[in-house]
Amino acid sequence: MTLTLRSKTQALLHGVDRKSRLSLIVHLVLASAIIINVVAVVFDSVAVLAERHYILFATIEIVCTLIFTIEYLLRVWSAPDNPRFAGRWSRLRYMATPMALIDLLAILPIILWLFTSIDLRFVRIVRLLRLLKFTRYSTGLELMLMVFRQQLGIFGAASAALACMLVFSAGAIYMAEHEAQPDKFANLLDALYWSVITLATVGYGDVVPVTPFGKFLASVISLTGIGIVAVPAGILASAFNSELRRRETAYRHQVSHQLAGKRLTERVRNKLKSHQEELGLSDEQALSIVADIRDVHKSESEDALSCPHCHQPLHLALKDAET
């Protein structure tokens, strides 16, 4: 009985099952708690509102923290029934995952506030991290995080190149501008700040070179910054597109398998809908793929019922043969 209940709990918290009203209610409550809590944190930072609605904000914080705590404990308790963490130390391995750490951060602020004398401003910022819990309910955010993990090595190489460029450009502009502007480029840290702002193509204008060589360096660094920023963006866009194509291909195989020799019954529709939600595809993408597969099957069926010699429908070819 305990194992069955634990297994049901794990399945309930693992993802939204649109055929289960309980699953929809649970995830709606969790998503609503995240939104309400983050909005309350934002308004609580306004001194006038914080004093006037102190009890309301405190109630929201206590209720939301209680909901997040119960969710976290249930996820840890049911972790052994998750195939990813089956085996020894399953709960500890689950607690070390990024999403479990985010869940822990969601309940950590009130514990810090109750048992330590930590600055409340820090607690507010930590409470805003609860917004990261939304990655469970947004397939787009989940897909983006997956792409980031897949391309971590490439992003690391791009980050290393960016760090080298920052240091070199900071050293060059320091040599060019230190004597002309000792107050603006007093040390390499000041030069590094200017380098970051310039390479990011923001250019606040609070610190600008005045020497001819410094202006030349600024021009080169600004143009280089465009390329450095564009490379990771291009890598991310390409990886994102590749992952979408992979998911569409996987869904296309599922649709082709489900529709092979079958009609599009309600049972088949439910299976395809389940596959669509697992892969995070939109309704438009799914409908387009289903329509393409049905057209292919229809074309293959017509070809199978045609004469291999004259390519006419089989019943017409038989009539011609009889006459």
C-alpha atoms as a PDB file:
ATOM      1  CA  MET A   1       0.000   0.000   0.000  1.00  0.00           C
ATOM      2  CA  THR A   2       2.830   2.385   0.884  1.00  0.00           C
ATOM      3  CA  LEU A   3       4.670   1.605  -2.335  1.00  0.00           C
ATOM      4  CA  THR A   4       1.497   2.146  -4.367  1.00  0.00           C
ATOM      5  CA  LEU A   5       0.822   5.467  -2.664  1.00  0.00           C
ATOM      6  CA  ARG A   6       4.455   6.538  -3.151  1.00  0.00           C
ATOM      7  CA  SER A   7       4.340   5.562  -6.800  1.00  0.00           C
ATOM      8  CA  LYS A   8       1.122   7.529  -7.318  1.00  0.00           C
ATOM      9  CA  THR A   9       2.658  10.534  -5.568  1.00  0.00           C
ATOM     10  CA  GLN A  10       5.719  10.401  -7.785  1.00  0.00           C
ATOM     11  CA  ALA A  11       3.597  10.183 -10.944  1.00  0.00           C
ATOM     12  CA  LEU A  12       1.374  13.016  -9.738  1.00  0.00           C
ATOM     13  CA  LEU A  13       4.289  15.391  -9.104  1.00  0.00           C
ATOM     14  CA  HIS A  14       6.373  14.322 -12.103  1.00  0.00           C
ATOM     15  CA  GLY A  15       4.245  16.057 -14.749  1.00  0.00           C
ATOM     16  CA  VAL A  16       0.812  17.333 -15.680  1.00  0.00           C
ATOM     17  CA  ASP A  17      -1.631  14.598 -16.675  1.00  0.00           C
ATOM     18  CA  ARG A  18      -4.435  16.402 -18.519  1.00  0.00           C
ATOM     19  CA  LYS A  19      -6.729  13.378 -18.148  1.00  0.00           C
ATOM     20  CA  SER A  20      -6.498  13.555 -14.337  1.00  0.00           C
ATOM     21  CA  ARG A  21      -8.402  16.321 -12.573  1.00  0.00           C
ATOM     22  CA  LEU A  22      -6.306  15.849  -9.430  1.00  0.00           C
ATOM     23  CA  SER A  23      -3.086  16.329 -11.422  1.00  0.00           C
ATOM     24  CA  LEU A  24      -4.430  19.521 -12.996  1.00  0.00           C
ATOM     25  CA  ILE A  25      -5.507  20.891  -9.605  1.00  0.00           C
ATOM     26  CA  VAL A  26      -2.168  20.090  -7.929  1.00  0.00           C
ATOM     27  CA  HIS A  27      -0.070  21.729 -10.637  1.00  0.00           C
ATOM     28  CA  LEU A  28      -2.450  24.698 -10.873  1.00  0.00           C
ATOM     29  CA  VAL A  29      -2.072  25.258  -7.112  1.00  0.00           C
ATOM     30  CA  LEU A  30       1.728  25.015  -7.322  1.00  0.00           C
ATOM     31  CA  ALA A  31       1.962  27.362 -10.325  1.00  0.00           C
ATOM     32  CA  SER A  32      -0.429  29.845  -8.695  1.00  0.00           C
ATOM     33  CA  ALA A  33       1.603  29.783  -5.468  1.00  0.00           C
ATOM     34  CA  ILE A  34       4.765  30.641  -7.414  1.00  0.00           C
ATOM     35  CA  ILE A  35       3.126  33.580  -9.205  1.00  0.00           C
ATOM     36  CA  ILE A  36       1.398  34.943  -6.094  1.00  0.00           C
ATOM     37  CA  ASN A  37       4.562  34.663  -4.010  1.00  0.00           C
ATOM     38  CA  VAL A  38       6.788  36.406  -6.551  1.00  0.00           C
ATOM     39  CA  VAL A  39       4.247  39.237  -7.011  1.00  0.00           C
ATOM     40  CA  ALA A  40       4.041  39.607  -3.220  1.00  0.00           C
ATOM     41  CA  VAL A  41       7.845  39.800  -2.960  1.00  0.00           C
ATOM     42  CA  VAL A  42       7.924  42.599  -5.549  1.00  0.00           C
ATOM     43  CA  PHE A  43       5.245  44.681  -3.815  1.00  0.00           C
ATOM     44  CA  ASP A  44       6.697  43.912  -0.384  1.00  0.00           C
ATOM     45  CA  SER A  45       9.842  45.791  -1.409  1.00  0.00           C
ATOM     46  CA  VAL A  46       7.789  49.033  -1.484  1.00  0.00           C
ATOM     47  CA  ALA A  47       8.066  50.430   2.046  1.00  0.00           C
ATOM     48  CA  VAL A  48       4.579  51.998   2.117  1.00  0.00           C
ATOM     49  CA  LEU A  49       2.867  48.811   0.923  1.00  0.00           C
ATOM     50  CA  ALA A  50       4.990  46.634   3.210  1.00  0.00           C
ATOM     51  CA  GLU A  51       3.863  48.591   6.285  1.00  0.00           C
ATOM     52  CA  ARG A  52       0.223  48.857   5.239  1.00  0.00           C
ATOM     53  CA  HIS A  53      -0.223  45.202   4.196  1.00  0.00           C
ATOM     54  CA  TYR A  54       2.271  43.510   6.489  1.00  0.00           C
ATOM     55  CA  ILE A  55      -0.174  40.813   7.647  1.00  0.00           C
ATOM     56  CA  LEU A  56      -1.226  40.005   4.069  1.00  0.00           C
ATOM     57  CA  PHE A  57       2.354  39.640   2.845  1.00  0.00           C
ATOM     58  CA  ALA A  58       3.301  37.566   5.887  1.00  0.00           C
ATOM     59  CA  THR A  59       0.298  35.269   5.365  1.00  0.00           C
ATOM     60  CA  ILE A  60       1.164  34.792   1.685  1.00  0.00           C
ATOM     61  CA  GLU A  61       4.763  33.964   2.589  1.00  0.00           C
ATOM     62  CA  ILE A  62       3.783  31.430   5.256  1.00  0.00           C
ATOM     63  CA  VAL A  63       1.134  29.699   3.120  1.00  0.00           C
ATOM     64  CA  CYS A  64       3.349  29.538   0.001  1.00  0.00           C
ATOM     65  CA  THR A  65       6.336  28.300   1.992  1.00  0.00           C
ATOM     66  CA  LEU A  66       4.144  25.604   3.560  1.00  0.00           C
ATOM     67  CA  ILE A  67       2.974  24.504   0.080  1.00  0.00           C
ATOM     68  CA  PHE A  68       6.549  24.441  -1.263  1.00  0.00           C
ATOM     69  CA  THR A  69       7.776  22.530   1.803  1.00  0.00           C
ATOM     70  CA  ILE A  70       5.112  19.834   1.426  1.00  0.00           C
ATOM     71  CA  GLU A  71       5.901  19.574  -2.291  1.00  0.00           C
ATOM     72  CA  TYR A  72       9.643  19.227  -1.616  1.00  0.00           C
ATOM     73  CA  LEU A  73       9.179  16.580   1.072  1.00  0.00           C
ATOM     74  CA  LEU A  74       6.792  14.584  -1.134  1.00  0.00           C
ATOM     75  CA  ARG A  75       9.223  14.743  -4.069  1.00  0.00           C
ATOM     76  CA  VAL A  76      12.076  13.505  -1.873  1.00  0.00           C
ATOM     77  CA  TRP A  77       9.885  10.775  -0.345  1.00  0.00           C
ATOM     78  CA  SER A  78       8.695   9.493  -3.739  1.00  0.00           C
ATOM     79  CA  ALA A  79      12.110   9.731  -5.465  1.00  0.00           C
ATOM     80  CA  PRO A  80      12.817   5.940  -5.251  1.00  0.00           C
ATOM     81  CA  ASP A  81       9.856   5.330  -7.600  1.00  0.00           C
ATOM     82  CA  ASN A  82      11.409   7.569 -10.250  1.00  0.00           C
ATOM     83  CA  PRO A  83      13.322   5.357 -12.756  1.00  0.00           C
ATOM     84  CA  ARG A  84      16.090   7.986 -12.955  1.00  0.00           C
ATOM     85  CA  PHE A  85      16.940   7.581  -9.271  1.00  0.00           C
ATOM     86  CA  ALA A  86      16.103   3.913  -8.655  1.00  0.00           C
ATOM     87  CA  GLY A  87      18.645   2.067  -6.532  1.00  0.00           C
ATOM     88  CA  ARG A  88      20.778   2.990  -3.534  1.00  0.00           C
ATOM     89  CA  TRP A  89      20.841   6.545  -2.253  1.00  0.00           C
ATOM     90  CA  SER A  90      17.983   7.444  -4.595  1.00  0.00           C
ATOM     91  CA  ARG A  91      16.721  10.260  -2.375  1.00  0.00           C
ATOM     92  CA  LEU A  92      20.167  11.790  -1.943  1.00  0.00           C
ATOM     93  CA  ARG A  93      20.784  11.621  -5.692  1.00  0.00           C
ATOM     94  CA  TYR A  94      17.466  13.350  -6.309  1.00  0.00           C
ATOM     95  CA  MET A  95      18.244  16.041  -3.705  1.00  0.00           C
ATOM     96  CA  ALA A  96      21.473  16.827  -5.591  1.00  0.00           C
ATOM     97  CA  THR A  97      19.663  17.556  -8.885  1.00  0.00           C
ATOM     98  CA  PRO A  98      19.292  21.212 -10.021  1.00  0.00           C
ATOM     99  CA  MET A  99      15.480  21.216  -9.730  1.00  0.00           C
ATOM    100  CA  ALA A 100      15.609  19.731  -6.229  1.00  0.00           C
ATOM    101  CA  LEU A 101      18.083  22.426  -5.189  1.00  0.00           C
ATOM    102  CA  ILE A 102      15.730  25.063  -6.612  1.00  0.00           C
ATOM    103  CA  ASP A 103      12.893  23.543  -4.556  1.00  0.00           C
ATOM    104  CA  LEU A 104      15.115  23.733  -1.469  1.00  0.00           C
ATOM    105  CA  LEU A 105      15.912  27.391  -2.186  1.00  0.00           C
ATOM    106  CA  ALA A 106      12.174  28.037  -2.340  1.00  0.00           C
ATOM    107  CA  ILE A 107      11.742  27.099   1.337  1.00  0.00           C
ATOM    108  CA  LEU A 108      15.143  28.326   2.578  1.00  0.00           C
ATOM    109  CA  PRO A 109      14.376  32.102   2.958  1.00  0.00           C
ATOM    110  CA  ILE A 110      11.822  31.806   5.756  1.00  0.00           C
ATOM    111  CA  ILE A 111      14.119  29.391   7.624  1.00  0.00           C
ATOM    112  CA  LEU A 112      16.975  31.910   7.354  1.00  0.00           C
ATOM    113  CA  TRP A 113      14.657  34.697   8.454  1.00  0.00           C
ATOM    114  CA  LEU A 114      13.322  32.789  11.480  1.00  0.00           C
ATOM    115  CA  PHE A 115      16.575  31.346  12.802  1.00  0.00           C
ATOM    116  CA  THR A 116      19.225  33.893  11.768  1.00  0.00           C
ATOM    117  CA  SER A 117      19.696  37.654  11.757  1.00  0.00           C
ATOM    118  CA  ILE A 118      20.348  37.774   8.009  1.00  0.00           C
ATOM    119  CA  ASP A 119      19.587  40.941   6.028  1.00  0.00           C
ATOM    120  CA  LEU A 120      15.961  40.940   4.831  1.00  0.00           C
ATOM    121  CA  ARG A 121      17.029  42.367   1.467  1.00  0.00           C
ATOM    122  CA  PHE A 122      19.010  39.192   0.827  1.00  0.00           C
ATOM    123  CA  VAL A 123      16.007  37.109   1.839  1.00  0.00           C
ATOM    124  CA  ARG A 124      13.834  38.970  -0.684  1.00  0.00           C
ATOM    125  CA  ILE A 125      16.279  38.270  -3.503  1.00  0.00           C
ATOM    126  CA  VAL A 126      16.466  34.572  -2.599  1.00  0.00           C
ATOM    127  CA  ARG A 127      12.656  34.414  -2.562  1.00  0.00           C
ATOM    128  CA  LEU A 128      12.609  35.660  -6.150  1.00  0.00           C
ATOM    129  CA  LEU A 129      14.512  32.496  -7.128  1.00  0.00           C
ATOM    130  CA  ARG A 130      11.224  30.653  -6.658  1.00  0.00           C
ATOM    131  CA  LEU A 131      10.385  31.832 -10.158  1.00  0.00           C
ATOM    132  CA  LEU A 132      12.842  29.173 -11.389  1.00  0.00           C
ATOM    133  CA  LYS A 133      10.337  26.549 -10.279  1.00  0.00           C
ATOM    134  CA  PHE A 134       8.303  27.578 -13.320  1.00  0.00           C
ATOM    135  CA  THR A 135      10.691  25.588 -15.523  1.00  0.00           C
ATOM    136  CA  ARG A 136       8.637  22.531 -14.535  1.00  0.00           C
ATOM    137  CA  TYR A 137       5.505  24.025 -16.095  1.00  0.00           C
ATOM    138  CA  SER A 138       7.003  25.692 -19.181  1.00  0.00           C
ATOM    139  CA  THR A 139       8.172  23.359 -21.934  1.00  0.00           C
ATOM    140  CA  GLY A 140       9.938  26.289 -23.598  1.00  0.00           C
ATOM    141  CA  LEU A 141      12.059  27.014 -20.524  1.00  0.00           C
ATOM    142  CA  GLU A 142      12.714  23.306 -20.040  1.00  0.00           C
ATOM    143  CA  LEU A 143      13.827  23.024 -23.668  1.00  0.00           C
ATOM    144  CA  MET A 144      16.117  26.032 -23.322  1.00  0.00           C
ATOM    145  CA  LEU A 145      17.753  24.628 -20.181  1.00  0.00           C
ATOM    146  CA  MET A 146      18.265  21.298 -21.952  1.00  0.00           C
ATOM    147  CA  VAL A 147      19.936  23.071 -24.889  1.00  0.00           C
ATOM    148  CA  PHE A 148      22.189  24.982 -22.479  1.00  0.00           C
ATOM    149  CA  ARG A 149      23.272  21.713 -20.850  1.00  0.00           C
ATOM    150  CA  GLN A 150      23.921  20.073 -24.222  1.00  0.00           C
ATOM    151  CA  GLN A 151      26.003  23.012 -25.477  1.00  0.00           C
ATOM    152  CA  LEU A 152      27.815  23.619 -22.178  1.00  0.00           C
ATOM    153  CA  GLY A 153      31.215  22.757 -23.657  1.00  0.00           C
ATOM    154  CA  ILE A 154      30.814  25.155 -26.587  1.00  0.00           C
ATOM    155  CA  PHE A 155      29.578  27.911 -24.289  1.00  0.00           C
ATOM    156  CA  GLY A 156      32.579  27.272 -22.053  1.00  0.00           C
ATOM    157  CA  ALA A 157      34.949  27.746 -24.995  1.00  0.00           C
ATOM    158  CA  ALA A 158      33.142  30.935 -26.042  1.00  0.00           C
ATOM    159  CA  SER A 159      33.275  32.216 -22.454  1.00  0.00           C
ATOM    160  CA  ALA A 160      37.020  31.519 -22.284  1.00  0.00           C
ATOM    161  CA  ALA A 161      37.560  33.483 -25.521  1.00  0.00           C
ATOM    162  CA  LEU A 162      35.462  36.321 -24.143  1.00  0.00           C
ATOM    163  CA  ALA A 163      37.470  36.380 -20.885  1.00  0.00           C
ATOM    164  CA  CYS A 164      40.761  36.551 -22.806  1.00  0.00           C
ATOM    165  CA  MET A 165      39.449  39.375 -24.975  1.00  0.00           C
ATOM    166  CA  LEU A 166      38.278  41.287 -21.901  1.00  0.00           C
ATOM    167  CA  VAL A 167      41.676  41.063 -20.216  1.00  0.00           C
ATOM    168  CA  PHE A 168      43.640  41.965 -23.359  1.00  0.00           C
ATOM    169  CA  SER A 169      41.387  44.904 -24.235  1.00  0.00           C
ATOM    170  CA  ALA A 170      41.490  46.166 -20.634  1.00  0.00           C
ATOM    171  CA  GLY A 171      45.302  46.073 -20.639  1.00  0.00           C
ATOM    172  CA  ALA A 172      45.523  47.813 -24.020  1.00  0.00           C
ATOM    173  CA  ILE A 173      43.104  50.620 -23.140  1.00  0.00           C
ATOM    174  CA  TYR A 174      44.817  51.102 -19.776  1.00  0.00           C
ATOM    175  CA  MET A 175      48.160  51.644 -21.509  1.00  0.00           C
ATOM    176  CA  ALA A 176      46.571  54.033 -24.027  1.00  0.00           C
ATOM    177  CA  GLU A 177      44.453  56.133 -21.644  1.00  0.00           C
ATOM    178  CA  HIS A 178      46.028  55.985 -18.181  1.00  0.00           C
ATOM    179  CA  GLU A 179      48.219  59.075 -18.610  1.00  0.00           C
ATOM    180  CA  ALA A 180      45.533  61.100 -20.398  1.00  0.00           C
ATOM    181  CA  GLN A 181      42.733  60.178 -17.940  1.00  0.00           C
ATOM    182  CA  PRO A 182      44.240  59.002 -14.635  1.00  0.00           C
ATOM    183  CA  ASP A 183      40.900  59.519 -12.880  1.00  0.00           C
ATOM    184  CA  LYS A 184      38.898  57.387 -15.362  1.00  0.00           C
ATOM    185  CA  PHE A 185      41.522  54.682 -16.012  1.00  0.00           C
ATOM    186  CA  ALA A 186      43.267  54.673 -12.637  1.00  0.00           C
ATOM    187  CA  ASN A 187      43.883  50.917 -12.627  1.00  0.00           C
ATOM    188  CA  LEU A 188      43.162  47.732 -14.531  1.00  0.00           C
ATOM    189  CA  LEU A 189      39.865  47.223 -12.701  1.00  0.00           C
ATOM    190  CA  ASP A 190      38.553  50.521 -14.085  1.00  0.00           C
ATOM    191  CA  ALA A 191      39.817  49.524 -17.515  1.00  0.00           C
ATOM    192  CA  LEU A 192      38.157  46.107 -17.155  1.00  0.00           C
ATOM    193  CA  TYR A 193      34.814  47.787 -16.387  1.00  0.00           C
ATOM    194  CA  TRP A 194      35.131  49.857 -19.568  1.00  0.00           C
ATOM    195  CA  SER A 195      36.109  46.735 -21.520  1.00  0.00           C
ATOM    196  CA  VAL A 196      33.040  44.811 -20.344  1.00  0.00           C
ATOM    197  CA  ILE A 197      30.675  47.662 -21.216  1.00  0.00           C
ATOM    198  CA  THR A 198      32.286  48.160 -24.627  1.00  0.00           C
ATOM    199  CA  LEU A 199      32.496  44.483 -25.596  1.00  0.00           C
ATOM    200  CA  ALA A 200      28.865  44.043 -24.611  1.00  0.00           C
ATOM    201  CA  THR A 201      28.112  46.850 -27.118  1.00  0.00           C
ATOM    202  CA  VAL A 202      26.232  48.778 -24.422  1.00  0.00           C
ATOM    203  CA  GLY A 203      28.554  51.799 -24.212  1.00  0.00           C
ATOM    204  CA  TYR A 204      27.145  53.902 -21.374  1.00  0.00           C
ATOM    205  CA  GLY A 205      29.399  56.820 -22.322  1.00  0.00           C
ATOM    206  CA  ASP A 206      30.464  57.507 -18.731  1.00  0.00           C
ATOM    207  CA  VAL A 207      34.043  56.481 -19.578  1.00  0.00           C
ATOM    208  CA  VAL A 208      35.338  57.138 -23.113  1.00  0.00           C
ATOM    209  CA  PRO A 209      38.851  57.225 -24.607  1.00  0.00           C
ATOM    210  CA  VAL A 210      40.242  60.613 -25.667  1.00  0.00           C
ATOM    211  CA  THR A 211      43.604  59.712 -27.256  1.00  0.00           C
ATOM    212  CA  PRO A 212      43.785  58.747 -30.953  1.00  0.00           C
ATOM    213  CA  PHE A 213      45.171  55.297 -30.145  1.00  0.00           C
ATOM    214  CA  GLY A 214      42.514  54.826 -27.458  1.00  0.00           C
ATOM    215  CA  LYS A 215      39.742  55.709 -29.922  1.00  0.00           C
ATOM    216  CA  PHE A 216      41.181  53.275 -32.456  1.00  0.00           C
ATOM    217  CA  LEU A 217      41.249  50.518 -29.812  1.00  0.00           C
ATOM    218  CA  ALA A 218      37.668  51.340 -28.792  1.00  0.00           C
ATOM    219  CA  SER A 219      36.525  50.995 -32.412  1.00  0.00           C
ATOM    220  CA  VAL A 220      38.239  47.618 -32.832  1.00  0.00           C
ATOM    221  CA  ILE A 221      36.967  46.345 -29.475  1.00  0.00           C
ATOM    222  CA  SER A 222      33.403  47.459 -30.245  1.00  0.00           C
ATOM    223  CA  LEU A 223      33.412  45.662 -33.605  1.00  0.00           C
ATOM    224  CA  THR A 224      34.939  42.573 -31.982  1.00  0.00           C
ATOM    225  CA  GLY A 225      32.251  42.673 -29.319  1.00  0.00           C
ATOM    226  CA  ILE A 226      29.526  42.330 -31.955  1.00  0.00           C
ATOM    227  CA  GLY A 227      31.083  39.071 -33.165  1.00  0.00           C
ATOM    228  CA  ILE A 228      31.710  37.724 -29.683  1.00  0.00           C
ATOM    229  CA  VAL A 229      28.095  38.325 -28.652  1.00  0.00           C
ATOM    230  CA  ALA A 230      26.758  36.947 -31.947  1.00  0.00           C
ATOM    231  CA  VAL A 231      28.642  33.636 -31.774  1.00  0.00           C
ATOM    232  CA  PRO A 232      26.979  32.243 -28.590  1.00  0.00           C
ATOM    233  CA  ALA A 233      23.600  33.532 -29.806  1.00  0.00           C
ATOM    234  CA  GLY A 234      24.055  31.698 -33.107  1.00  0.00           C
ATOM    235  CA  ILE A 235      25.159  28.522 -31.338  1.00  0.00           C
ATOM    236  CA  LEU A 236      22.125  28.654 -29.055  1.00  0.00           C
ATOM    237  CA  ALA A 237      19.708  29.305 -31.929  1.00  0.00           C
ATOM    238  CA  SER A 238      21.178  26.440 -33.983  1.00  0.00           C
ATOM    239  CA  ALA A 239      21.069  24.011 -31.045  1.00  0.00           C
ATOM    240  CA  PHE A 240      17.529  25.086 -30.175  1.00  0.00           C
ATOM    241  CA  ASN A 241      16.405  24.505 -33.764  1.00  0.00           C
ATOM    242  CA  SER A 242      18.139  21.104 -33.895  1.00  0.00           C
ATOM    243  CA  GLU A 243      16.413  19.977 -30.699  1.00  0.00           C
ATOM    244  CA  LEU A 244      13.034  21.084 -32.061  1.00  0.00           C
ATOM    245  CA  ARG A 245      13.665  19.144 -35.299  1.00  0.00           C
ATOM    246  CA  ARG A 246      14.655  16.082 -33.262  1.00  0.00           C
ATOM    247  CA  ARG A 247      11.442  16.258 -31.253  1.00  0.00           C
ATOM    248  CA  GLU A 248       9.353  16.745 -34.375  1.00  0.00           C
ATOM    249  CA  THR A 249      11.043  13.707 -35.954  1.00  0.00           C
ATOM    250  CA  ALA A 250      10.356  11.623 -32.837  1.00  0.00           C
ATOM    251  CA  TYR A 251       6.707  12.708 -32.883  1.00  0.00           C
ATOM    252  CA  ARG A 252       6.500  11.970 -36.627  1.00  0.00           C
ATOM    253  CA  HIS A 253       7.659   8.385 -35.949  1.00  0.00           C
ATOM    254  CA  GLN A 254       5.060   8.030 -33.194  1.00  0.00           C
ATOM    255  CA  VAL A 255       2.283   9.348 -35.455  1.00  0.00           C
ATOM    256  CA  SER A 256       3.334   7.060 -38.306  1.00  0.00           C
ATOM    257  CA  HIS A 257       3.350   4.073 -35.944  1.00  0.00           C
ATOM    258  CA  GLN A 258      -0.048   4.922 -34.414  1.00  0.00           C
ATOM    259  CA  LEU A 259      -1.742   5.585 -37.764  1.00  0.00           C
ATOM    260  CA  ALA A 260      -0.319   2.544 -39.552  1.00  0.00           C
ATOM    261  CA  GLY A 261      -3.436   0.693 -40.704  1.00  0.00           C
ATOM    262  CA  LYS A 262      -5.588   2.443 -38.113  1.00  0.00           C
ATOM    263  CA  ARG A 263      -8.217   5.149 -38.092  1.00  0.00           C
ATOM    264  CA  LEU A 264      -7.738   8.313 -36.089  1.00  0.00           C
ATOM    265  CA  THR A 265      -9.911   7.176 -33.190  1.00  0.00           C
ATOM    266  CA  GLU A 266     -10.262   8.910 -29.829  1.00  0.00           C
ATOM    267  CA  ARG A 267      -7.866   6.399 -28.264  1.00  0.00           C
ATOM    268  CA  VAL A 268      -5.233   7.139 -30.901  1.00  0.00           C
ATOM    269  CA  ARG A 269      -5.799  10.878 -30.445  1.00  0.00           C
ATOM    270  CA  ASN A 270      -5.189  10.562 -26.694  1.00  0.00           C
ATOM    271  CA  LYS A 271      -1.959   8.626 -27.266  1.00  0.00           C
ATOM    272  CA  LEU A 272      -0.714  11.197 -29.754  1.00  0.00           C
ATOM    273  CA  LYS A 273      -1.671  14.025 -27.392  1.00  0.00           C
ATOM    274  CA  SER A 274       0.329  12.359 -24.627  1.00  0.00           C
ATOM    275  CA  HIS A 275       3.378  12.043 -26.908  1.00  0.00           C
ATOM    276  CA  GLN A 276       2.960  15.663 -27.980  1.00  0.00           C
ATOM    277  CA  GLU A 277       2.988  16.907 -24.375  1.00  0.00           C
ATOM    278  CA  GLU A 278       6.006  14.762 -23.488  1.00  0.00           C
ATOM    279  CA  LEU A 279       7.963  16.270 -26.387  1.00  0.00           C
ATOM    280  CA  GLY A 280       6.731  19.811 -25.704  1.00  0.00           C
ATOM    281  CA  LEU A 281       5.321  20.427 -29.193  1.00  0.00           C
ATOM    282  CA  SER A 282       2.617  23.005 -29.902  1.00  0.00           C
ATOM    283  CA  ASP A 283      -0.819  22.055 -31.211  1.00  0.00           C
ATOM    284  CA  GLU A 284       0.002  23.670 -34.575  1.00  0.00           C
ATOM    285  CA  GLN A 285       3.165  21.579 -34.974  1.00  0.00           C
ATOM    286  CA  ALA A 286       1.356  18.384 -33.989  1.00  0.00           C
ATOM    287  CA  LEU A 287      -1.590  18.990 -36.339  1.00  0.00           C
ATOM    288  CA  SER A 288       0.760  19.747 -39.226  1.00  0.00           C
ATOM    289  CA  ILE A 289       2.702  16.508 -38.671  1.00  0.00           C
ATOM    290  CA  VAL A 290      -0.498  14.433 -38.358  1.00  0.00           C
ATOM    291  CA  ALA A 291      -1.864  15.955 -41.571  1.00  0.00           C
ATOM    292  CA  ASP A 292       1.397  15.198 -43.424  1.00  0.00           C
ATOM    293  CA  ILE A 293       1.456  11.575 -42.236  1.00  0.00           C
ATOM    294  CA  ARG A 294      -2.212  11.056 -43.172  1.00  0.00           C
ATOM    295  CA  ASP A 295      -1.550  12.458 -46.647  1.00  0.00           C
ATOM    296  CA  VAL A 296       1.406  10.097 -47.048  1.00  0.00           C
ATOM    297  CA  HIS A 297      -0.673   7.097 -45.934  1.00  0.00           C
ATOM    298  CA  LYS A 298      -3.504   8.120 -48.272  1.00  0.00           C
ATOM    299  CA  SER A 299      -1.111   8.448 -51.191  1.00  0.00           C
ATOM    300  CA  GLU A 300       0.455   5.048 -50.444  1.00  0.00           C
ATOM    301  CA  SER A 301      -3.008   3.483 -50.223  1.00  0.00           C
ATOM    302  CA  GLU A 302      -4.019   4.926 -53.596  1.00  0.00           C
ATOM    303  CA  ASP A 303      -0.773   3.719 -55.158  1.00  0.00           C
ATOM    304  CA  ALA A 304      -1.394   0.233 -53.792  1.00  0.00           C
ATOM    305  CA  LEU A 305      -4.863   0.173 -55.443  1.00  0.00           C
ATOM    306  CA  SER A 306      -3.612   1.292 -58.867  1.00  0.00           C
ATOM    307  CA  CYS A 307      -2.476  -0.738 -61.842  1.00  0.00           C
ATOM    308  CA  PRO A 308       1.342  -1.053 -61.915  1.00  0.00           C
ATOM    309  CA  HIS A 309       1.321  -0.775 -65.740  1.00  0.00           C
ATOM    310  CA  CYS A 310      -1.123   2.019 -66.612  1.00  0.00           C
ATOM    311  CA  HIS A 311      -1.204   3.604 -63.102  1.00  0.00           C
ATOM    312  CA  GLN A 312      -5.020   3.870 -63.288  1.00  0.00           C
ATOM    313  CA  PRO A 313      -7.244   3.003 -60.316  1.00  0.00           C
ATOM    314  CA  LEU A 314      -7.588  -0.768 -60.143  1.00  0.00           C
ATOM    315  CA  HIS A 315     -11.351  -0.892 -60.823  1.00  0.00           C
ATOM    316  CA  LEU A 316     -10.936   1.195 -64.016  1.00  0.00           C
ATOM    317  CA  ALA A 317      -8.062  -0.959 -65.227  1.00  0.00           C
ATOM    318  CA  LEU A 318     -10.235  -4.101 -64.744  1.00  0.00           C
ATOM    319  CA  LYS A 319     -13.075  -2.570 -66.777  1.00  0.00           C
ATOM    320  CA  ASP A 320     -10.692  -1.756 -69.645  1.00  0.00           C
ATOM    321  CA  ALA A 321      -9.391  -5.307 -69.577  1.00  0.00           C
ATOM    322  CA  GLU A 322     -12.947  -6.727 -69.768  1.00  0.00           C
ATOM    323  CA  THR A 323     -13.880  -4.589 -72.761  1.00  0.00           C
END
